Amino acid sequence: MSLENVRGLVLDLDGCVYVGQTPLPGAVDAVNRVKKHVRVVFMTNNSTLTRKQYADKLRKMGIETSADEIVTSGWVAARYIKKLKQDARILAVGEDGIIVEATNIGLEVVDHQEWRKADFVVVGLDRTLTYDKLAHASLAVLSGAKFVATHLDHVYPSEKGFLPGAGSIAAMISTATGVKPVAVGKPMKESSLQALELLQLPKEQVVFVGDRVDTDVEAAKIVGCRSVLVKTGAFEMFAARSREADVVLESIAALPDLLGLW
């Protein structure tokens, strides 16, 4: 089997290219091979790192890339908010991938003690989460700040197993406030459109690749692209829905053959 007329790929990272700090078998070679023939954008819902930090991480694994080829949910959230309010002040429950990306495009990140100043509360994965952060974010939302979640994945894969994700954190604030967040990461249209913007290709020539039906496959569908589901990472959680993808592969290592690249 092969996919025809593919000029661009949107590749998931966690569970597709690597797990934690460990590349999946054959992933580095496969990605480098496809990058010689088609345009590639890496898109992740994990908002802990900046685009530059993700590029550095991939290069250390042996994959040549740059920040201009990375789409993170933190970067998508920052750009989304910037479109709504140029000089927005945000309260972040998250890490560098939100805070630095927001600062880089001219948004003000307020200290948690100054939660009353926030126009937006932005929630992503935060591995230094505290009760005070949750409390201040909840207070800001209850006072009228708009509630944005980088994404709603309840878990993410690690070397230890599946750990609580940004969606689990956002759910706590939503429960406390009664307010549902606007999510911008996969599978929401906002992130898929930003990936296509980077590729500068028509949707008919772009394929999304990932390990989750609820994010990666749905992210492709929402903009009319084709999808490839790999049987790594979180695949088993969605195995019953695998037919929703256009193609299912054992792993990303099989991608060059699927594309007819030898």
C-alpha atoms as a PDB file:
ATOM      1  CA  MET A   1       0.000   0.000   0.000  1.00  0.00           C
ATOM      2  CA  SER A   2       1.169   3.540  -0.685  1.00  0.00           C
ATOM      3  CA  LEU A   3      -0.158   7.055  -0.378  1.00  0.00           C
ATOM      4  CA  GLU A   4       0.005   9.195  -3.497  1.00  0.00           C
ATOM      5  CA  ASN A   5       0.352  12.937  -3.997  1.00  0.00           C
ATOM      6  CA  VAL A   6       1.868  13.582  -0.564  1.00  0.00           C
ATOM      7  CA  ARG A   7       4.013  16.710  -0.401  1.00  0.00           C
ATOM      8  CA  GLY A   8       3.682  17.531   3.287  1.00  0.00           C
ATOM      9  CA  LEU A   9       3.482  15.701   6.613  1.00  0.00           C
ATOM     10  CA  VAL A  10       2.303  16.805  10.040  1.00  0.00           C
ATOM     11  CA  LEU A  11       4.056  14.469  12.459  1.00  0.00           C
ATOM     12  CA  ASP A  12       3.058  13.952  16.067  1.00  0.00           C
ATOM     13  CA  LEU A  13       5.927  13.664  18.570  1.00  0.00           C
ATOM     14  CA  ASP A  14       5.038  11.992  21.911  1.00  0.00           C
ATOM     15  CA  GLY A  15       4.247   8.342  21.250  1.00  0.00           C
ATOM     16  CA  CYS A  16       4.959   8.643  17.538  1.00  0.00           C
ATOM     17  CA  VAL A  17       8.578   9.806  17.134  1.00  0.00           C
ATOM     18  CA  TYR A  18       9.655   9.231  20.735  1.00  0.00           C
ATOM     19  CA  VAL A  19       8.504   8.431  24.260  1.00  0.00           C
ATOM     20  CA  GLY A  20       9.992  10.803  26.808  1.00  0.00           C
ATOM     21  CA  GLN A  21      13.659  11.159  25.870  1.00  0.00           C
ATOM     22  CA  THR A  22      13.842   7.924  23.898  1.00  0.00           C
ATOM     23  CA  PRO A  23      13.313   7.754  20.111  1.00  0.00           C
ATOM     24  CA  LEU A  24      11.072   4.901  19.007  1.00  0.00           C
ATOM     25  CA  PRO A  25      12.817   2.153  16.988  1.00  0.00           C
ATOM     26  CA  GLY A  26      13.494   3.295  13.425  1.00  0.00           C
ATOM     27  CA  ALA A  27      11.938   6.722  13.982  1.00  0.00           C
ATOM     28  CA  VAL A  28      15.056   8.856  13.486  1.00  0.00           C
ATOM     29  CA  ASP A  29      15.996   7.204  10.202  1.00  0.00           C
ATOM     30  CA  ALA A  30      12.401   7.300   8.942  1.00  0.00           C
ATOM     31  CA  VAL A  31      11.927  10.983   9.691  1.00  0.00           C
ATOM     32  CA  ASN A  32      15.241  11.971   8.137  1.00  0.00           C
ATOM     33  CA  ARG A  33      14.403   9.964   5.010  1.00  0.00           C
ATOM     34  CA  VAL A  34      10.983  11.545   4.499  1.00  0.00           C
ATOM     35  CA  LYS A  35      12.350  15.034   5.160  1.00  0.00           C
ATOM     36  CA  LYS A  36      14.538  14.680   2.064  1.00  0.00           C
ATOM     37  CA  HIS A  37      11.447  14.342  -0.129  1.00  0.00           C
ATOM     38  CA  VAL A  38       8.506  16.143   1.508  1.00  0.00           C
ATOM     39  CA  ARG A  39       7.927  19.112   3.775  1.00  0.00           C
ATOM     40  CA  VAL A  40       7.523  18.189   7.425  1.00  0.00           C
ATOM     41  CA  VAL A  41       5.986  19.983  10.385  1.00  0.00           C
ATOM     42  CA  PHE A  42       6.114  18.461  13.862  1.00  0.00           C
ATOM     43  CA  MET A  43       2.971  19.136  15.878  1.00  0.00           C
ATOM     44  CA  THR A  44       2.624  18.315  19.560  1.00  0.00           C
ATOM     45  CA  ASN A  45      -0.017  18.944  22.189  1.00  0.00           C
ATOM     46  CA  ASN A  46       2.691  18.913  24.853  1.00  0.00           C
ATOM     47  CA  SER A  47       3.163  22.547  25.878  1.00  0.00           C
ATOM     48  CA  THR A  48       6.032  22.120  28.341  1.00  0.00           C
ATOM     49  CA  LEU A  49       8.804  23.149  25.920  1.00  0.00           C
ATOM     50  CA  THR A  50       9.207  26.031  23.485  1.00  0.00           C
ATOM     51  CA  ARG A  51       9.446  25.436  19.754  1.00  0.00           C
ATOM     52  CA  LYS A  52      13.205  26.023  19.963  1.00  0.00           C
ATOM     53  CA  GLN A  53      13.543  23.548  22.827  1.00  0.00           C
ATOM     54  CA  TYR A  54      11.669  20.902  20.852  1.00  0.00           C
ATOM     55  CA  ALA A  55      13.913  21.518  17.835  1.00  0.00           C
ATOM     56  CA  ASP A  56      16.965  21.118  20.106  1.00  0.00           C
ATOM     57  CA  LYS A  57      15.528  17.894  21.528  1.00  0.00           C
ATOM     58  CA  LEU A  58      14.961  16.434  18.069  1.00  0.00           C
ATOM     59  CA  ARG A  59      18.433  17.435  16.884  1.00  0.00           C
ATOM     60  CA  LYS A  60      19.984  15.678  19.881  1.00  0.00           C
ATOM     61  CA  MET A  61      18.150  12.542  18.772  1.00  0.00           C
ATOM     62  CA  GLY A  62      19.601  12.929  15.294  1.00  0.00           C
ATOM     63  CA  ILE A  63      16.683  14.590  13.500  1.00  0.00           C
ATOM     64  CA  GLU A  64      17.590  17.807  11.692  1.00  0.00           C
ATOM     65  CA  THR A  65      14.934  20.465  12.154  1.00  0.00           C
ATOM     66  CA  SER A  66      14.379  24.044  13.328  1.00  0.00           C
ATOM     67  CA  ALA A  67      11.846  25.929  15.422  1.00  0.00           C
ATOM     68  CA  ASP A  68      10.108  26.999  12.202  1.00  0.00           C
ATOM     69  CA  GLU A  69       9.060  23.368  11.676  1.00  0.00           C
ATOM     70  CA  ILE A  70       7.487  22.971  15.132  1.00  0.00           C
ATOM     71  CA  VAL A  71       3.894  23.598  16.197  1.00  0.00           C
ATOM     72  CA  THR A  72       3.208  23.301  19.918  1.00  0.00           C
ATOM     73  CA  SER A  73      -0.110  23.808  21.668  1.00  0.00           C
ATOM     74  CA  GLY A  74       1.519  26.526  23.798  1.00  0.00           C
ATOM     75  CA  TRP A  75       2.563  28.464  20.693  1.00  0.00           C
ATOM     76  CA  VAL A  76      -0.879  27.958  19.147  1.00  0.00           C
ATOM     77  CA  ALA A  77      -2.540  29.243  22.331  1.00  0.00           C
ATOM     78  CA  ALA A  78      -0.317  32.333  22.426  1.00  0.00           C
ATOM     79  CA  ARG A  79      -1.049  33.170  18.775  1.00  0.00           C
ATOM     80  CA  TYR A  80      -4.770  32.545  19.297  1.00  0.00           C
ATOM     81  CA  ILE A  81      -4.882  34.962  22.229  1.00  0.00           C
ATOM     82  CA  LYS A  82      -2.800  37.554  20.348  1.00  0.00           C
ATOM     83  CA  LYS A  83      -5.419  37.581  17.588  1.00  0.00           C
ATOM     84  CA  LEU A  84      -8.154  38.227  20.137  1.00  0.00           C
ATOM     85  CA  LYS A  85      -6.324  40.910  22.122  1.00  0.00           C
ATOM     86  CA  GLN A  86      -2.977  42.331  21.006  1.00  0.00           C
ATOM     87  CA  ASP A  87      -1.891  43.463  24.484  1.00  0.00           C
ATOM     88  CA  ALA A  88      -3.474  40.640  26.471  1.00  0.00           C
ATOM     89  CA  ARG A  89      -2.292  39.813  29.969  1.00  0.00           C
ATOM     90  CA  ILE A  90      -2.277  36.108  30.730  1.00  0.00           C
ATOM     91  CA  LEU A  91      -2.089  34.005  33.865  1.00  0.00           C
ATOM     92  CA  ALA A  92      -0.308  30.783  32.946  1.00  0.00           C
ATOM     93  CA  VAL A  93      -0.663  27.387  34.544  1.00  0.00           C
ATOM     94  CA  GLY A  94       2.123  25.787  32.580  1.00  0.00           C
ATOM     95  CA  GLU A  95       5.810  25.800  31.727  1.00  0.00           C
ATOM     96  CA  ASP A  96       8.204  27.502  29.281  1.00  0.00           C
ATOM     97  CA  GLY A  97       6.208  26.321  26.292  1.00  0.00           C
ATOM     98  CA  ILE A  98       3.443  28.719  27.289  1.00  0.00           C
ATOM     99  CA  ILE A  99       5.267  31.442  29.202  1.00  0.00           C
ATOM    100  CA  VAL A 100       8.188  31.988  26.803  1.00  0.00           C
ATOM    101  CA  GLU A 101       6.119  31.648  23.635  1.00  0.00           C
ATOM    102  CA  ALA A 102       3.576  34.165  24.936  1.00  0.00           C
ATOM    103  CA  THR A 103       6.299  36.618  25.946  1.00  0.00           C
ATOM    104  CA  ASN A 104       8.034  36.211  22.577  1.00  0.00           C
ATOM    105  CA  ILE A 105       4.988  37.493  20.696  1.00  0.00           C
ATOM    106  CA  GLY A 106       4.357  40.437  23.028  1.00  0.00           C
ATOM    107  CA  LEU A 107       1.837  39.117  25.537  1.00  0.00           C
ATOM    108  CA  GLU A 108       2.273  39.975  29.220  1.00  0.00           C
ATOM    109  CA  VAL A 109       2.488  37.046  31.624  1.00  0.00           C
ATOM    110  CA  VAL A 110       1.300  38.192  35.056  1.00  0.00           C
ATOM    111  CA  ASP A 111       2.462  36.805  38.374  1.00  0.00           C
ATOM    112  CA  HIS A 112      -0.013  34.525  40.114  1.00  0.00           C
ATOM    113  CA  GLN A 113      -0.308  36.946  43.012  1.00  0.00           C
ATOM    114  CA  GLU A 114      -1.629  39.462  40.480  1.00  0.00           C
ATOM    115  CA  TRP A 115      -4.359  37.177  39.128  1.00  0.00           C
ATOM    116  CA  ARG A 116      -6.846  40.060  39.111  1.00  0.00           C
ATOM    117  CA  LYS A 117      -4.963  41.632  36.178  1.00  0.00           C
ATOM    118  CA  ALA A 118      -5.369  38.617  33.906  1.00  0.00           C
ATOM    119  CA  ASP A 119      -7.427  38.880  30.720  1.00  0.00           C
ATOM    120  CA  PHE A 120      -6.866  35.186  29.992  1.00  0.00           C
ATOM    121  CA  VAL A 121      -6.033  32.091  31.998  1.00  0.00           C
ATOM    122  CA  VAL A 122      -4.008  29.647  29.898  1.00  0.00           C
ATOM    123  CA  VAL A 123      -3.659  26.077  31.127  1.00  0.00           C
ATOM    124  CA  GLY A 124      -1.268  23.442  29.812  1.00  0.00           C
ATOM    125  CA  LEU A 125       0.797  20.654  31.278  1.00  0.00           C
ATOM    126  CA  ASP A 126       2.448  21.923  34.467  1.00  0.00           C
ATOM    127  CA  ARG A 127       4.781  19.534  36.282  1.00  0.00           C
ATOM    128  CA  THR A 128       5.268  22.065  39.106  1.00  0.00           C
ATOM    129  CA  LEU A 129       1.535  22.385  39.717  1.00  0.00           C
ATOM    130  CA  THR A 130       0.512  23.643  43.159  1.00  0.00           C
ATOM    131  CA  TYR A 131      -2.766  24.288  44.918  1.00  0.00           C
ATOM    132  CA  ASP A 132      -2.024  28.025  44.819  1.00  0.00           C
ATOM    133  CA  LYS A 133      -1.715  27.938  41.020  1.00  0.00           C
ATOM    134  CA  LEU A 134      -5.069  26.190  40.748  1.00  0.00           C
ATOM    135  CA  ALA A 135      -6.647  28.617  43.212  1.00  0.00           C
ATOM    136  CA  HIS A 136      -5.366  31.751  41.484  1.00  0.00           C
ATOM    137  CA  ALA A 137      -6.375  30.465  38.065  1.00  0.00           C
ATOM    138  CA  SER A 138      -9.859  29.640  39.351  1.00  0.00           C
ATOM    139  CA  LEU A 139     -10.220  33.049  40.974  1.00  0.00           C
ATOM    140  CA  ALA A 140      -9.198  34.767  37.737  1.00  0.00           C
ATOM    141  CA  VAL A 141     -11.705  32.762  35.683  1.00  0.00           C
ATOM    142  CA  LEU A 142     -14.473  33.477  38.196  1.00  0.00           C
ATOM    143  CA  SER A 143     -13.575  37.179  37.927  1.00  0.00           C
ATOM    144  CA  GLY A 144     -14.083  37.152  34.162  1.00  0.00           C
ATOM    145  CA  ALA A 145     -10.762  36.102  32.620  1.00  0.00           C
ATOM    146  CA  LYS A 146     -11.255  33.974  29.513  1.00  0.00           C
ATOM    147  CA  PHE A 147     -10.274  30.344  30.055  1.00  0.00           C
ATOM    148  CA  VAL A 148      -8.025  28.778  27.390  1.00  0.00           C
ATOM    149  CA  ALA A 149      -6.595  25.255  27.480  1.00  0.00           C
ATOM    150  CA  THR A 150      -3.677  24.316  25.277  1.00  0.00           C
ATOM    151  CA  HIS A 151      -5.463  20.979  24.757  1.00  0.00           C
ATOM    152  CA  LEU A 152      -7.651  18.496  26.608  1.00  0.00           C
ATOM    153  CA  ASP A 153      -5.578  15.276  26.509  1.00  0.00           C
ATOM    154  CA  HIS A 154      -6.111  13.739  29.935  1.00  0.00           C
ATOM    155  CA  VAL A 155      -2.845  11.734  29.804  1.00  0.00           C
ATOM    156  CA  TYR A 156       0.453  11.698  27.920  1.00  0.00           C
ATOM    157  CA  PRO A 157       2.974   8.862  27.428  1.00  0.00           C
ATOM    158  CA  SER A 158       6.251   8.674  29.364  1.00  0.00           C
ATOM    159  CA  GLU A 159       8.893   6.025  30.030  1.00  0.00           C
ATOM    160  CA  LYS A 160       7.034   5.286  33.290  1.00  0.00           C
ATOM    161  CA  GLY A 161       3.639   4.937  31.638  1.00  0.00           C
ATOM    162  CA  PHE A 162       0.752   7.331  31.088  1.00  0.00           C
ATOM    163  CA  LEU A 163       0.865  10.447  33.280  1.00  0.00           C
ATOM    164  CA  PRO A 164      -1.802  13.126  33.926  1.00  0.00           C
ATOM    165  CA  GLY A 165      -1.970  15.605  31.054  1.00  0.00           C
ATOM    166  CA  ALA A 166      -3.083  19.185  30.559  1.00  0.00           C
ATOM    167  CA  GLY A 167      -6.695  18.101  30.184  1.00  0.00           C
ATOM    168  CA  SER A 168      -6.659  16.704  33.709  1.00  0.00           C
ATOM    169  CA  ILE A 169      -5.394  20.022  35.066  1.00  0.00           C
ATOM    170  CA  ALA A 170      -7.914  22.034  33.063  1.00  0.00           C
ATOM    171  CA  ALA A 171     -10.675  19.748  34.347  1.00  0.00           C
ATOM    172  CA  MET A 172      -9.890  20.680  37.954  1.00  0.00           C
ATOM    173  CA  ILE A 173     -10.239  24.401  37.186  1.00  0.00           C
ATOM    174  CA  SER A 174     -13.373  23.756  35.166  1.00  0.00           C
ATOM    175  CA  THR A 175     -14.876  21.803  38.060  1.00  0.00           C
ATOM    176  CA  ALA A 176     -14.015  24.598  40.490  1.00  0.00           C
ATOM    177  CA  THR A 177     -15.441  27.370  38.316  1.00  0.00           C
ATOM    178  CA  GLY A 178     -18.173  25.753  36.254  1.00  0.00           C
ATOM    179  CA  VAL A 179     -16.501  27.240  33.155  1.00  0.00           C
ATOM    180  CA  LYS A 180     -15.389  25.101  30.232  1.00  0.00           C
ATOM    181  CA  PRO A 181     -12.151  26.170  28.535  1.00  0.00           C
ATOM    182  CA  VAL A 182     -11.659  26.965  24.883  1.00  0.00           C
ATOM    183  CA  ALA A 183      -9.147  24.345  23.726  1.00  0.00           C
ATOM    184  CA  VAL A 184      -6.824  25.179  20.817  1.00  0.00           C
ATOM    185  CA  GLY A 185      -4.527  22.152  20.435  1.00  0.00           C
ATOM    186  CA  LYS A 186      -5.251  18.952  18.523  1.00  0.00           C
ATOM    187  CA  PRO A 187      -7.892  18.081  17.419  1.00  0.00           C
ATOM    188  CA  MET A 188      -9.148  21.650  17.321  1.00  0.00           C
ATOM    189  CA  LYS A 189      -9.102  23.440  13.981  1.00  0.00           C
ATOM    190  CA  GLU A 190      -6.856  26.235  15.271  1.00  0.00           C
ATOM    191  CA  SER A 191      -3.762  24.028  15.574  1.00  0.00           C
ATOM    192  CA  SER A 192      -4.354  22.190  12.291  1.00  0.00           C
ATOM    193  CA  LEU A 193      -4.714  25.465  10.412  1.00  0.00           C
ATOM    194  CA  GLN A 194      -1.475  26.777  11.902  1.00  0.00           C
ATOM    195  CA  ALA A 195       0.314  23.601  10.802  1.00  0.00           C
ATOM    196  CA  LEU A 196      -1.014  24.004   7.253  1.00  0.00           C
ATOM    197  CA  GLU A 197       0.049  27.661   7.333  1.00  0.00           C
ATOM    198  CA  LEU A 198       3.637  26.576   8.007  1.00  0.00           C
ATOM    199  CA  LEU A 199       3.595  23.947   5.268  1.00  0.00           C
ATOM    200  CA  GLN A 200       2.107  26.295   2.658  1.00  0.00           C
ATOM    201  CA  LEU A 201       0.519  23.350   0.831  1.00  0.00           C
ATOM    202  CA  PRO A 202      -3.057  22.518  -0.166  1.00  0.00           C
ATOM    203  CA  LYS A 203      -4.817  20.168   2.249  1.00  0.00           C
ATOM    204  CA  GLU A 204      -5.078  17.461  -0.414  1.00  0.00           C
ATOM    205  CA  GLN A 205      -1.281  17.092  -0.357  1.00  0.00           C
ATOM    206  CA  VAL A 206      -0.887  16.904   3.436  1.00  0.00           C
ATOM    207  CA  VAL A 207      -1.057  13.826   5.689  1.00  0.00           C
ATOM    208  CA  PHE A 208      -1.210  13.866   9.500  1.00  0.00           C
ATOM    209  CA  VAL A 209       0.648  11.078  11.340  1.00  0.00           C
ATOM    210  CA  GLY A 210       0.175  10.136  14.988  1.00  0.00           C
ATOM    211  CA  ASP A 211      -0.714   7.534  17.600  1.00  0.00           C
ATOM    212  CA  ARG A 212      -4.095   8.852  18.756  1.00  0.00           C
ATOM    213  CA  VAL A 213      -7.433   8.800  16.959  1.00  0.00           C
ATOM    214  CA  ASP A 214      -8.978  11.469  19.195  1.00  0.00           C
ATOM    215  CA  THR A 215      -6.247  14.020  18.459  1.00  0.00           C
ATOM    216  CA  ASP A 216      -4.104  13.147  15.429  1.00  0.00           C
ATOM    217  CA  VAL A 217      -6.721  11.533  13.192  1.00  0.00           C
ATOM    218  CA  GLU A 218      -9.381  14.050  14.183  1.00  0.00           C
ATOM    219  CA  ALA A 219      -6.930  16.930  13.612  1.00  0.00           C
ATOM    220  CA  ALA A 220      -6.537  15.742  10.029  1.00  0.00           C
ATOM    221  CA  LYS A 221     -10.258  15.301   9.447  1.00  0.00           C
ATOM    222  CA  ILE A 222     -11.167  18.747  10.706  1.00  0.00           C
ATOM    223  CA  VAL A 223      -9.215  20.386   7.867  1.00  0.00           C
ATOM    224  CA  GLY A 224      -9.884  17.755   5.218  1.00  0.00           C
ATOM    225  CA  CYS A 225      -6.492  16.014   5.258  1.00  0.00           C
ATOM    226  CA  ARG A 226      -5.620  12.321   5.222  1.00  0.00           C
ATOM    227  CA  SER A 227      -4.305  10.531   8.311  1.00  0.00           C
ATOM    228  CA  VAL A 228      -1.922   7.741   9.272  1.00  0.00           C
ATOM    229  CA  LEU A 229      -2.284   6.047  12.647  1.00  0.00           C
ATOM    230  CA  VAL A 230       0.762   4.298  14.153  1.00  0.00           C
ATOM    231  CA  LYS A 231       0.535   1.404  16.614  1.00  0.00           C
ATOM    232  CA  THR A 232       2.851   2.976  19.191  1.00  0.00           C
ATOM    233  CA  GLY A 233       2.363   5.364  22.111  1.00  0.00           C
ATOM    234  CA  ALA A 234      -1.311   5.617  23.049  1.00  0.00           C
ATOM    235  CA  PHE A 235      -2.569   3.506  20.114  1.00  0.00           C
ATOM    236  CA  GLU A 236      -4.061   0.760  22.303  1.00  0.00           C
ATOM    237  CA  MET A 237      -6.400   3.288  23.904  1.00  0.00           C
ATOM    238  CA  PHE A 238      -7.967   3.858  20.481  1.00  0.00           C
ATOM    239  CA  ALA A 239      -7.446   0.503  18.746  1.00  0.00           C
ATOM    240  CA  ALA A 240     -11.207  -0.015  18.408  1.00  0.00           C
ATOM    241  CA  ARG A 241     -11.395   3.196  16.363  1.00  0.00           C
ATOM    242  CA  SER A 242      -8.384   2.534  14.150  1.00  0.00           C
ATOM    243  CA  ARG A 243     -10.555   2.267  11.027  1.00  0.00           C
ATOM    244  CA  GLU A 244     -11.156   5.997  11.270  1.00  0.00           C
ATOM    245  CA  ALA A 245      -7.617   6.554   9.960  1.00  0.00           C
ATOM    246  CA  ASP A 246      -6.869   6.289   6.260  1.00  0.00           C
ATOM    247  CA  VAL A 247      -3.874   4.022   6.947  1.00  0.00           C
ATOM    248  CA  VAL A 248      -2.635   2.139  10.024  1.00  0.00           C
ATOM    249  CA  LEU A 249       1.102   1.372  10.368  1.00  0.00           C
ATOM    250  CA  GLU A 250       3.030  -0.656  12.907  1.00  0.00           C
ATOM    251  CA  SER A 251       5.195   2.387  13.579  1.00  0.00           C
ATOM    252  CA  ILE A 252       6.564   5.533  11.996  1.00  0.00           C
ATOM    253  CA  ALA A 253       9.494   3.402  10.781  1.00  0.00           C
ATOM    254  CA  ALA A 254       7.185   2.129   8.011  1.00  0.00           C
ATOM    255  CA  LEU A 255       6.332   5.641   6.785  1.00  0.00           C
ATOM    256  CA  PRO A 256       8.997   5.915   4.034  1.00  0.00           C
ATOM    257  CA  ASP A 257       7.775   2.691   2.417  1.00  0.00           C
ATOM    258  CA  LEU A 258       4.166   3.910   2.613  1.00  0.00           C
ATOM    259  CA  LEU A 259       5.200   7.036   0.734  1.00  0.00           C
ATOM    260  CA  GLY A 260       7.185   5.051  -1.802  1.00  0.00           C
ATOM    261  CA  LEU A 261      10.546   6.423  -0.627  1.00  0.00           C
ATOM    262  CA  TRP A 262      13.450   3.990  -0.962  1.00  0.00           C
END
